[in-house]
Structures are given as structure tokens and as C-alpha cells.
Protein backbone atom coordinates (compact mmCIF):
# COMPACT_ATOMS: atom_id res chain seq x y z
CA UNK A 1 99.43 -1.96 136.72
CA UNK A 2 98.67 -5.67 137.04
CA UNK A 3 95.17 -6.29 138.36
CA UNK A 4 95.01 -8.25 141.61
CA UNK A 5 93.65 -11.76 141.55
CA UNK A 6 90.11 -12.03 142.96
CA UNK A 7 91.50 -14.58 145.44
CA UNK A 8 94.26 -12.26 146.69
CA UNK A 9 92.21 -10.46 149.36
CA UNK A 10 90.76 -13.63 150.94
CA UNK A 11 94.23 -15.20 150.88
CA UNK A 12 95.76 -12.20 152.64
CA UNK A 13 92.97 -12.18 155.23
CA UNK A 14 93.49 -15.89 155.83
CA UNK A 15 97.22 -15.31 156.21
CA UNK A 16 96.59 -12.57 158.79
CA UNK A 17 94.20 -14.83 160.72
CA UNK A 18 96.80 -17.59 160.68
CA UNK A 19 99.43 -15.24 162.04
CA UNK A 20 97.07 -14.06 164.81
CA UNK A 21 96.48 -17.68 165.82
CA UNK A 22 100.22 -18.06 166.38
CA UNK A 23 100.72 -14.80 168.27
CA UNK A 24 100.36 -14.57 172.03
CA UNK A 25 96.80 -14.07 173.30
CA UNK A 26 96.34 -10.76 175.18
CA UNK A 27 92.93 -11.71 176.59
CA UNK A 28 94.18 -12.12 180.21
CA UNK A 29 95.33 -8.48 180.27
CA UNK A 30 91.87 -7.35 179.16
CA UNK A 31 89.97 -9.73 181.43
CA UNK A 32 91.72 -8.72 184.66
CA UNK A 33 93.03 -5.18 185.33
CA UNK A 34 94.66 -6.55 188.51
CA UNK A 35 96.63 -9.07 186.45
CA UNK A 36 97.54 -6.36 183.92
CA UNK A 37 98.96 -4.08 186.65
CA UNK A 38 100.82 -6.96 188.27
CA UNK A 39 102.22 -8.02 184.89
CA UNK A 40 103.40 -4.55 183.82
CA UNK A 41 104.87 -3.68 187.21
CA UNK A 42 106.59 -7.04 187.50
CA UNK A 43 108.17 -6.64 184.06
CA UNK A 44 109.62 -3.22 184.89
CA UNK A 45 110.93 -4.16 188.33
CA UNK A 46 112.18 -7.48 186.94
CA UNK A 47 114.45 -5.64 184.52
CA UNK A 48 116.16 -4.11 187.54
CA UNK A 49 116.31 -7.45 189.32
CA UNK A 50 118.11 -9.09 186.40
CA UNK A 51 120.45 -6.12 186.13
CA UNK A 52 121.41 -6.77 189.74
CA UNK A 53 121.78 -10.51 189.18
CA UNK A 54 124.36 -9.90 186.45
CA UNK A 55 126.01 -7.04 188.34
CA UNK A 56 126.49 -9.21 191.44
CA UNK A 57 128.38 -11.78 189.36
CA UNK A 58 130.56 -9.06 187.88
CA UNK A 59 131.13 -7.55 191.34
CA UNK A 60 132.20 -10.88 192.88
CA UNK A 61 134.44 -11.70 189.91
CA UNK A 62 136.01 -8.23 190.13
CA UNK A 63 136.80 -8.76 193.82
CA UNK A 64 137.94 -12.41 193.67
CA UNK A 65 138.73 -13.18 189.99
CA UNK A 66 137.22 -16.62 190.67
CA UNK A 67 134.43 -18.35 188.73
CA UNK A 68 133.96 -20.67 191.70
CA UNK A 69 133.22 -17.70 193.98
CA UNK A 70 130.70 -16.37 191.45
CA UNK A 71 128.96 -19.75 191.52
CA UNK A 72 129.11 -19.78 195.32
CA UNK A 73 126.77 -16.77 195.44
CA UNK A 74 123.94 -19.14 194.51
CA UNK A 75 125.28 -21.98 196.64
CA UNK A 76 125.29 -19.93 199.84
CA UNK A 77 121.68 -18.86 199.26
CA UNK A 78 120.43 -22.35 198.36
CA UNK A 79 119.42 -23.72 201.79
CA UNK A 80 117.79 -20.45 202.96
CA UNK A 81 115.87 -20.35 199.66
CA UNK A 82 114.59 -23.88 200.13
CA UNK A 83 113.31 -22.99 203.59
CA UNK A 84 111.87 -19.70 202.29
CA UNK A 85 110.06 -21.43 199.42
CA UNK A 86 108.39 -24.00 201.66
CA UNK A 87 107.60 -21.54 204.45
CA UNK A 88 106.60 -18.75 202.07
CA UNK A 89 104.23 -21.02 200.16
CA UNK A 90 102.65 -22.04 203.45
CA UNK A 91 102.00 -18.47 204.61
CA UNK A 92 100.59 -17.65 201.16
CA UNK A 93 97.98 -20.37 201.77
CA UNK A 94 97.20 -19.11 205.29
CA UNK A 95 97.31 -15.29 205.15
CA UNK A 96 96.13 -12.60 202.76
CA UNK A 97 98.36 -13.05 199.71
CA UNK A 98 98.43 -9.32 198.96
CA UNK A 99 99.88 -8.56 202.40
CA UNK A 100 102.47 -11.33 202.07
CA UNK A 101 103.56 -9.92 198.70
CA UNK A 102 103.92 -6.40 200.11
CA UNK A 103 106.06 -7.54 203.05
CA UNK A 104 108.35 -9.74 200.93
CA UNK A 105 108.78 -7.01 198.31
CA UNK A 106 109.88 -4.46 200.89
CA UNK A 107 112.54 -6.82 202.25
CA UNK A 108 113.86 -7.44 198.73
CA UNK A 109 114.05 -3.68 198.16
CA UNK A 110 116.03 -3.21 201.39
CA UNK A 111 118.50 -5.88 200.22
CA UNK A 112 119.00 -4.01 196.94
CA UNK A 113 119.78 -0.83 198.86
CA UNK A 114 122.31 -2.90 200.82
CA UNK A 115 124.04 -3.86 197.57
CA UNK A 116 124.18 -0.21 196.54
CA UNK A 117 125.96 0.63 199.81
CA UNK A 118 128.42 -2.29 199.59
CA UNK A 119 129.30 -1.56 195.97
CA UNK A 120 130.03 2.11 196.70
CA UNK A 121 132.18 0.95 199.63
CA UNK A 122 134.16 -1.38 197.33
CA UNK A 123 134.59 1.44 194.82
CA UNK A 124 135.99 3.66 197.57
CA UNK A 125 138.44 0.94 198.69
CA UNK A 126 139.64 0.42 195.11
CA UNK A 127 140.90 3.99 195.19
CA UNK A 128 143.28 2.88 197.93
CA UNK A 129 144.32 -0.26 196.04
CA UNK A 130 142.05 -2.72 197.86
CA UNK A 131 138.61 -4.35 197.74
CA UNK A 132 135.71 -4.83 200.11
CA UNK A 133 135.42 -8.30 201.67
CA UNK A 134 133.16 -10.62 199.72
CA UNK A 135 131.16 -12.10 202.62
CA UNK A 136 128.80 -9.08 203.06
CA UNK A 137 127.74 -9.50 199.44
CA UNK A 138 126.88 -13.14 200.15
CA UNK A 139 124.74 -12.12 203.14
CA UNK A 140 122.81 -9.42 201.28
CA UNK A 141 122.25 -11.52 198.14
CA UNK A 142 120.99 -14.38 200.33
CA UNK A 143 118.52 -12.02 202.04
CA UNK A 144 117.36 -10.84 198.61
CA UNK A 145 117.00 -14.43 197.38
CA UNK A 146 114.90 -15.38 200.42
CA UNK A 147 112.54 -12.41 200.03
CA UNK A 148 112.26 -12.90 196.26
CA UNK A 149 111.47 -16.59 196.74
CA UNK A 150 108.59 -15.82 199.11
CA UNK A 151 107.30 -13.09 196.78
CA UNK A 152 107.50 -15.35 193.71
CA UNK A 153 105.71 -18.24 195.43
CA UNK A 154 102.93 -15.91 196.52
CA UNK A 155 102.68 -14.21 193.12
CA UNK A 156 102.30 -17.57 191.38
CA UNK A 157 99.42 -18.53 193.67
CA UNK A 158 97.67 -15.18 193.01
CA UNK A 159 97.19 -15.76 189.27
CA UNK A 160 94.59 -18.48 189.75
CA UNK A 161 92.50 -16.10 191.89
CA UNK A 162 92.45 -13.09 189.56
CA UNK A 163 91.97 -14.93 186.24
CA UNK A 164 89.54 -17.57 184.90
CA UNK A 165 91.05 -21.06 184.75
CA UNK A 166 90.84 -21.27 180.95
CA UNK A 167 93.21 -18.29 180.68
CA UNK A 168 96.00 -19.70 182.87
CA UNK A 169 98.18 -21.06 180.06
CA UNK A 170 97.77 -17.80 178.11
CA UNK A 171 98.70 -15.78 181.22
CA UNK A 172 101.76 -17.98 181.69
CA UNK A 173 102.79 -17.24 178.11
CA UNK A 174 102.39 -13.52 178.79
CA UNK A 175 104.58 -13.95 181.86
CA UNK A 176 107.13 -15.48 179.51
CA UNK A 177 107.15 -12.30 177.43
CA UNK A 178 107.69 -10.25 180.60
CA UNK A 179 110.44 -12.62 181.69
CA UNK A 180 112.04 -12.42 178.26
CA UNK A 181 111.97 -8.63 178.40
CA UNK A 182 113.54 -8.70 181.86
CA UNK A 183 116.23 -11.13 180.79
CA UNK A 184 116.90 -9.27 177.53
CA UNK A 185 116.97 -5.69 178.74
CA UNK A 186 118.22 -6.24 182.30
CA UNK A 187 121.50 -8.10 181.64
CA UNK A 188 122.29 -6.07 178.51
CA UNK A 189 121.71 -2.86 180.44
CA UNK A 190 123.80 -4.22 183.31
CA UNK A 191 126.71 -4.87 180.95
CA UNK A 192 126.52 -1.38 179.47
CA UNK A 193 126.09 0.36 182.84
CA UNK A 194 128.86 -1.65 184.49
CA UNK A 195 131.22 -0.68 181.69
CA UNK A 196 130.23 3.01 181.78
CA UNK A 197 128.84 4.39 185.06
CA UNK A 198 130.02 1.47 187.20
CA UNK A 199 128.48 -1.25 189.36
CA UNK A 200 127.23 0.93 192.26
CA UNK A 201 124.95 2.95 189.98
CA UNK A 202 123.75 -0.25 188.31
CA UNK A 203 122.46 -1.46 191.68
CA UNK A 204 120.97 1.98 192.38
CA UNK A 205 118.90 1.93 189.17
CA UNK A 206 117.43 -1.42 190.24
CA UNK A 207 116.29 0.20 193.50
CA UNK A 208 114.44 2.87 191.48
CA UNK A 209 112.80 0.41 189.07
CA UNK A 210 111.51 -1.59 192.04
CA UNK A 211 108.76 0.98 192.64
CA UNK A 212 106.85 -0.07 189.50
CA UNK A 213 106.55 -3.65 190.72
CA UNK A 214 105.56 -2.50 194.18
CA UNK A 215 102.69 -0.41 192.79
CA UNK A 216 101.34 -3.46 190.94
CA UNK A 217 101.38 -5.43 194.18
CA UNK A 218 99.91 -2.58 196.26
CA UNK A 219 96.92 -2.22 193.90
CA UNK A 220 95.91 -5.90 194.11
CA UNK A 221 92.55 -6.64 195.75
CA UNK A 222 92.48 -8.37 199.13
CA UNK A 223 93.24 -12.08 198.66
CA UNK A 224 92.41 -13.87 201.93
CA UNK A 225 92.44 -17.65 202.28
CA UNK A 226 89.45 -19.46 200.84
CA UNK A 227 87.73 -21.95 203.11
CA UNK A 228 88.19 -22.49 206.83
CA UNK A 229 90.81 -20.56 208.75
CA UNK A 230 93.97 -22.46 209.73
CA UNK A 231 97.04 -21.63 211.77
CA UNK A 232 100.44 -21.44 210.07
CA UNK A 233 102.78 -24.18 211.20
CA UNK A 234 104.08 -27.66 210.59
CA UNK A 235 100.65 -29.34 210.09
CA UNK A 236 99.86 -27.00 207.18
CA UNK A 237 103.29 -27.51 205.65
CA UNK A 238 103.01 -31.29 206.11
CA UNK A 239 99.60 -31.26 204.40
CA UNK A 240 101.19 -29.68 201.33
CA UNK A 241 104.06 -32.19 201.25
CA UNK A 242 101.56 -35.05 201.63
CA UNK A 243 99.57 -33.73 198.67
CA UNK A 244 102.75 -33.53 196.60
CA UNK A 245 103.67 -37.11 197.51
CA UNK A 246 100.40 -38.24 195.93
CA UNK A 247 100.71 -35.93 192.90
CA UNK A 248 103.03 -37.78 190.48
CA UNK A 249 102.59 -35.40 187.54
CA UNK A 250 103.32 -32.23 189.51
CA UNK A 251 106.23 -33.99 191.20
CA UNK A 252 107.61 -35.09 187.84
CA UNK A 253 107.41 -31.50 186.55
CA UNK A 254 109.75 -30.52 189.38
CA UNK A 255 112.17 -33.38 188.76
CA UNK A 256 112.66 -32.73 185.04
CA UNK A 257 113.22 -29.02 185.65
CA UNK A 258 115.83 -29.74 188.33
CA UNK A 259 117.69 -31.89 185.80
CA UNK A 260 117.61 -29.13 183.18
CA UNK A 261 118.70 -26.37 185.53
CA UNK A 262 121.40 -28.42 187.26
CA UNK A 263 123.17 -29.61 184.13
CA UNK A 264 122.31 -26.98 181.52
CA UNK A 265 123.07 -23.53 182.97
CA UNK A 266 126.23 -21.84 181.60
CA UNK A 267 125.52 -18.37 183.09
CA UNK A 268 128.15 -18.60 185.80
CA UNK A 269 130.76 -19.12 183.07
CA UNK A 270 130.00 -15.83 181.31
CA UNK A 271 132.42 -13.56 183.22
CA UNK A 272 135.30 -15.94 182.51
CA UNK A 273 134.24 -16.38 178.88
CA UNK A 274 134.20 -12.61 178.46
CA UNK A 275 137.66 -12.34 179.99
CA UNK A 276 139.48 -15.34 178.52
CA UNK A 277 137.70 -16.84 175.48
CA UNK A 278 135.32 -14.49 173.67
CA UNK A 279 136.57 -11.10 174.89
CA UNK A 280 134.48 -8.05 175.66
CA UNK A 281 134.28 -8.47 179.43
CA UNK A 282 130.94 -7.28 180.87
CA UNK A 283 129.64 -6.46 177.39
CA UNK A 284 129.83 -10.12 176.43
CA UNK A 285 128.21 -11.17 179.72
CA UNK A 286 125.25 -8.92 179.00
CA UNK A 287 124.98 -9.99 175.36
CA UNK A 288 124.98 -13.73 176.10
CA UNK A 289 122.46 -13.39 178.91
CA UNK A 290 120.22 -11.25 176.72
CA UNK A 291 120.42 -13.83 173.92
CA UNK A 292 118.80 -16.43 176.16
CA UNK A 293 116.04 -13.95 176.93
CA UNK A 294 115.43 -13.28 173.24
CA UNK A 295 114.67 -16.97 172.77
CA UNK A 296 112.33 -16.90 175.75
CA UNK A 297 110.49 -13.84 174.52
CA UNK A 298 110.12 -15.01 170.90
CA UNK A 299 108.67 -18.31 172.10
CA UNK A 300 106.12 -16.45 174.21
CA UNK A 301 105.26 -13.99 171.43
CA UNK A 302 104.44 -16.89 169.08
CA UNK A 303 102.63 -18.95 171.72
CA UNK A 304 99.12 -18.59 170.31
CA UNK A 305 98.78 -22.33 169.65
CA UNK A 306 99.56 -23.46 173.21
CA UNK A 307 95.88 -23.57 174.17
CA UNK A 308 95.46 -26.46 171.70
CA UNK A 309 98.17 -28.61 173.31
CA UNK A 310 96.75 -31.26 175.66
CA UNK A 311 99.67 -33.61 176.39
CA UNK A 312 101.61 -31.31 178.66
CA UNK A 313 103.91 -34.01 180.03
CA UNK A 314 105.19 -34.98 176.60
CA UNK A 315 105.52 -31.33 175.59
CA UNK A 316 107.65 -30.58 178.66
CA UNK A 317 109.93 -33.58 178.11
CA UNK A 318 110.57 -32.78 174.46
CA UNK A 319 111.25 -29.13 175.24
CA UNK A 320 113.82 -30.02 177.90
CA UNK A 321 115.59 -32.42 175.55
CA UNK A 322 115.88 -29.63 172.97
CA UNK A 323 117.28 -27.48 175.79
CA UNK A 324 119.93 -30.16 176.35
CA UNK A 325 120.88 -30.15 172.65
CA UNK A 326 121.56 -26.41 172.73
CA UNK A 327 123.50 -26.70 176.02
CA UNK A 328 125.78 -29.29 174.42
CA UNK A 329 126.20 -27.00 171.41
CA UNK A 330 127.28 -24.18 173.73
CA UNK A 331 129.93 -26.41 175.30
CA UNK A 332 131.14 -27.73 171.95
CA UNK A 333 131.61 -24.26 170.50
CA UNK A 334 133.47 -23.11 173.62
CA UNK A 335 135.77 -26.14 173.31
CA UNK A 336 136.49 -25.46 169.64
CA UNK A 337 137.36 -21.80 170.26
CA UNK A 338 139.50 -22.67 173.29
CA UNK A 339 141.54 -25.06 171.15
CA UNK A 340 141.91 -22.33 168.52
CA UNK A 341 143.98 -20.13 170.84
CA UNK A 342 142.08 -16.85 170.30
CA UNK A 343 143.47 -13.98 172.38
CA UNK A 344 140.56 -11.80 173.57
CA UNK A 345 140.68 -8.22 174.77
CA UNK A 346 138.27 -5.95 176.68
CA UNK A 347 135.79 -3.74 174.83
CA UNK A 348 133.91 -4.24 171.56
CA UNK A 349 137.10 -4.33 169.49
CA UNK A 350 138.48 -7.38 171.29
CA UNK A 351 135.42 -9.59 170.89
CA UNK A 352 135.59 -12.77 168.79
CA UNK A 353 132.34 -11.97 166.99
CA UNK A 354 131.75 -15.28 165.22
CA UNK A 355 132.00 -17.12 168.53
CA UNK A 356 129.72 -14.64 170.27
CA UNK A 357 127.06 -15.03 167.56
CA UNK A 358 127.05 -18.84 167.71
CA UNK A 359 127.05 -18.91 171.50
CA UNK A 360 124.24 -16.35 171.42
CA UNK A 361 122.20 -18.59 169.09
CA UNK A 362 122.74 -21.51 171.44
CA UNK A 363 121.56 -19.38 174.37
CA UNK A 364 118.50 -18.27 172.37
CA UNK A 365 117.65 -21.91 171.67
CA UNK A 366 118.00 -22.78 175.34
CA UNK A 367 115.80 -19.84 176.34
CA UNK A 368 113.08 -20.78 173.87
CA UNK A 369 113.02 -24.44 174.86
CA UNK A 370 112.98 -23.59 178.56
CA UNK A 371 110.03 -21.24 178.05
CA UNK A 372 107.97 -23.97 176.37
CA UNK A 373 108.67 -26.18 179.37
CA UNK A 374 107.86 -23.37 181.83
CA UNK A 375 104.49 -22.55 180.24
CA UNK A 376 103.22 -26.09 180.53
CA UNK A 377 104.75 -26.78 183.96
CA UNK A 378 103.18 -23.69 185.52
CA UNK A 379 99.82 -24.36 183.84
CA UNK A 380 99.86 -27.93 185.13
CA UNK A 381 100.47 -26.82 188.73
CA UNK A 382 97.66 -24.25 188.72
CA UNK A 383 95.07 -26.37 186.90
CA UNK A 384 95.69 -29.65 188.70
CA UNK A 385 95.81 -28.32 192.29
CA UNK A 386 93.05 -26.75 194.46
CA UNK A 387 93.44 -23.06 195.37
CA UNK A 388 94.05 -23.83 199.06
CA UNK A 389 97.12 -25.85 198.03
CA UNK A 390 98.56 -23.57 195.34
CA UNK A 391 100.71 -21.42 197.63
CA UNK A 392 102.56 -24.43 199.02
CA UNK A 393 103.00 -25.98 195.58
CA UNK A 394 104.16 -22.66 194.18
CA UNK A 395 106.62 -22.53 197.08
CA UNK A 396 108.08 -25.87 196.01
CA UNK A 397 107.98 -24.72 192.38
CA UNK A 398 109.97 -21.58 193.22
CA UNK A 399 112.48 -23.62 195.23
CA UNK A 400 112.98 -25.75 192.12
CA UNK A 401 113.19 -22.94 189.56
CA UNK A 402 115.45 -20.77 191.72
CA UNK A 403 117.28 -23.41 193.73
CA UNK A 404 117.95 -25.61 190.69
CA UNK A 405 119.89 -22.87 188.89
CA UNK A 406 121.99 -22.29 192.01
CA UNK A 407 122.91 -25.96 192.13
CA UNK A 408 123.67 -25.61 188.42
CA UNK A 409 125.90 -22.61 189.11
CA UNK A 410 127.87 -24.64 191.66
CA UNK A 411 128.09 -27.60 189.25
CA UNK A 412 129.31 -25.40 186.39
CA UNK A 413 131.67 -23.35 188.57
CA UNK A 414 133.28 -26.41 190.16
CA UNK A 415 133.72 -28.36 186.90
CA UNK A 416 134.96 -25.30 185.01
CA UNK A 417 137.57 -24.74 187.72
CA UNK A 418 138.58 -28.41 187.81
CA UNK A 419 138.55 -29.12 184.04
CA UNK A 420 137.74 -26.26 181.62
CA UNK A 421 135.00 -23.78 180.73
CA UNK A 422 133.63 -25.95 177.91
CA UNK A 423 133.22 -29.10 180.03
CA UNK A 424 130.09 -28.36 182.18
CA UNK A 425 127.68 -27.43 179.36
CA UNK A 426 128.89 -30.17 177.00
CA UNK A 427 128.62 -32.92 179.61
CA UNK A 428 125.43 -31.45 181.03
CA UNK A 429 123.65 -31.25 177.68
CA UNK A 430 124.23 -34.93 177.00
CA UNK A 431 123.13 -35.84 180.55
CA UNK A 432 119.87 -33.89 180.13
CA UNK A 433 118.93 -35.66 176.88
CA UNK A 434 119.58 -39.12 178.32
CA UNK A 435 117.98 -38.61 181.75
CA UNK A 436 114.78 -37.05 180.38
CA UNK A 437 114.38 -39.91 177.89
CA UNK A 438 114.70 -42.46 180.69
CA UNK A 439 112.24 -40.70 183.03
CA UNK A 440 109.63 -40.10 180.32
CA UNK A 441 109.78 -43.73 179.31
CA UNK A 442 109.38 -44.85 182.93
CA UNK A 443 106.40 -42.60 183.88
CA UNK A 444 103.22 -43.60 182.05
CA UNK A 445 100.98 -41.07 183.88
CA UNK A 446 103.34 -38.29 182.78
CA UNK A 447 103.19 -39.39 179.15
CA UNK A 448 99.38 -39.56 179.25
CA UNK A 449 98.70 -36.31 181.13
CA UNK A 450 95.71 -34.56 179.50
CA UNK A 451 95.09 -30.85 180.13
CA UNK A 452 91.37 -31.36 179.45
CA UNK A 453 91.19 -33.66 182.49
CA UNK A 454 94.11 -32.45 184.66
CA UNK A 455 95.25 -34.77 187.44
CA UNK A 456 98.00 -33.86 189.92
């Protein structure tokens, strides 16, 4: 046996310490039991929510066989979501945030039960050779989007109350792990369930998983407004918009994310890709969506160094440009395969595996880059704004991060219908790289933003 070098043990210990420095910091979960319960419950219920998000697209495509109609699901909900984000953020700054979360969560649960009912109805009509009308699905998904927007805006404003400020970026990274788990497990499970037990039971499982998230919300402490009491209404909403008008860095964080989500989201194309390019049907939809989540989760797992990053504006811009590179790659690969004339088929045997792997890597890259951007954007909003303003800013933030993707779904659905499936991500990726470079160059305060002296 070869004796170990006397330097081997210290070297191994140093290597382990280096790895720990790169891994996500779990301190927020230990520091705040309320945050830990909210985080665990949100991750479990979020898996069900993302199952439903994928299942709705499959349900609409099954009824209409139209990518445009799948994209319209987000378009119909867009205006109500904008109103809900602004109004929901306002009530989160006026009322007890725990009570607001409970009410919004119950409405979202009722909407999920509505989807269960509609999907079983459609399944019954298929036995007679027909389909349910699509408009009830639009109504119920819009109701769900409104409730989820209010809940998300309120949840984001809660974090700053139940955690010390120096743990915000680390908590945001942990939220990225939860989001990655949701986006990995939820869509993949949706694809498997849709192909086996059917769409109605997929929605039903979401309704069951919801209870975990509700328990996390229910066990929060009371979170009344800090400072003087105010009445909900236009003056409070106007105060928030006035603050945002004089907060160039927070405003810029919204603008760059809108650009990324508008031009770089290929999710609405997945049902058509699974049916006409890659093969595999719902299995491919689940796999591609999960690939994006893997990138998100890996970025969060290895986020230990984020607390040392000070120039958040620059970090966000560079991350979004990398996102654009991977979006363009997704479009380019889709174009190449489309020109190759591959004939796909449903099921695992009909999948063009090489294409699926490369598209999956592109989605993983997009997910990872977007998570870097999200960590620093969310940290910037919480650190640079006073608590009394966080609900309203989180409302605008949620409008951006949920409304932007819906605009992106409409953009991708319309261009894919008018030109081809490869065109929206290829054009969008190039647009993202160019637009972010121009905006970063033009905004000096954004380039010089320092997390050690945060300014809105």
C-alpha cells in the first residue's frame, strides 16, 4: 500500500471547504422556521402547479390542434394579471399579508378544481366523438392566474419580514432550488400522467398537492402593515408607481426581464415540436420543460458565491445575454432538424433522441442563465426598497415575471403559425443579445449598482 502524502489530508479538507463555498447556503432555513415551512410547502404545491401549467397546454392543443390557441391561454389572462399584480401588491402593503395569502391561495385551489371538472367533461364528450368548448378553460385559467399573481406578490413581500436582510440573496437562491424542483418534477410528471392516466387525473393530483403549500401559508405569523394605517385605494397604488418612477435600477430590472421573457420563451412550441419535429408527444413536452428546470436548479445548488457579487446590474445583464445565446441555439437546432425531414411518431420509440438531447441542453442553459438573473433581480428589489413599499413593487415584479412570459407565448405562437417553429426562438435570441447590450451601455446607474450600498 502506498503511504499517503502528509499534504493529502489538508488538501482534501481544503477541497471540501472550496466545494462548500460554492454550494447553496442553507442558513435561511435554519434562521427562520416560518421561511422553512413556506419554502417546503411552496415547493410541493408548486410541483402540482407546474403539472397543471403543462397539462393545460396539452388540453388546449388536444381540443384545438392549434399552437396559437395554446399561446392564447396566456394572452387572455394577461390584462387581468396586470391588474391583479398592481392591486394585489397594494393590498399586501395595506392588510395583514398572511390573510391575503390565505384568501388568494383558496381561490387558486378552487380554479384547479374547476379544471378537474372541465377536463373530465371533455373526456366524457370524447367518448361521443366531440370535445368540450375551449372558452371555459380560458376563464378558469385566467382566474387561477389572477389568484396566483396576488399570492406570489404577497409571498415575495413576506420574505423581507421573516428573514434578516443579509440572508435575502441566499433565500432567493433557495427559492431557485424549489422552483427548479417544481419545473423539473412537475412538467415531467405531467407528461407521464397525461400519457398514462389522462389529463383529468393530472389536474386532480395538483389539487391534492396544493394542501402542502396552504399549510405553509397557514402557519405563518401575523404580518400586519408596519407604520401608520392607510386605506387601500388609488392614492396607495399611485404612491407605489411614483416610487418606481424614481427608482431607475428597480425599473431597469423589470425592463430587461420583459425583453428576455418576450423574445426567449419557446415553451408554447413544445406541443407542436413533440407532434411534428422531435416526436414523443406529451413525453417530449415534459422532458424539454424539465430540462429548463434542471438548469435552474443546478445554478441554485451551486450558488454559494452569490453573496460575494456586488455589481448586480452587470450580473443580470450578462446572464440575460447568455439566455439569449441559448434561445438562438434552440431555434437553430429546430431549423436544422426541420430541414432534415425527420418523421416523428408518438411514444418513446418515435423520438429523435439526438435532437431532444441538444434542445434539452439549450433549455438547461436558458434555465440556468435565467436563475442567475432572477436571484439578483429579486435581491435588488427587496434590499433597495422599504418594507412598506415591497408589496407594490413585488406586484409589479410578478406582473413582469408572469405577464412577460404570456406576451412571449403570444409572440412565439403567432410567429410559429405565420413562419415556422424555429423562427421565434432564433430571432428572439438575437434580439435579446442586442437589446440588452444597448440598454446596459445606456444606463450608467445600472452598470454601477452596488449591493453594499443599494439604491432603488
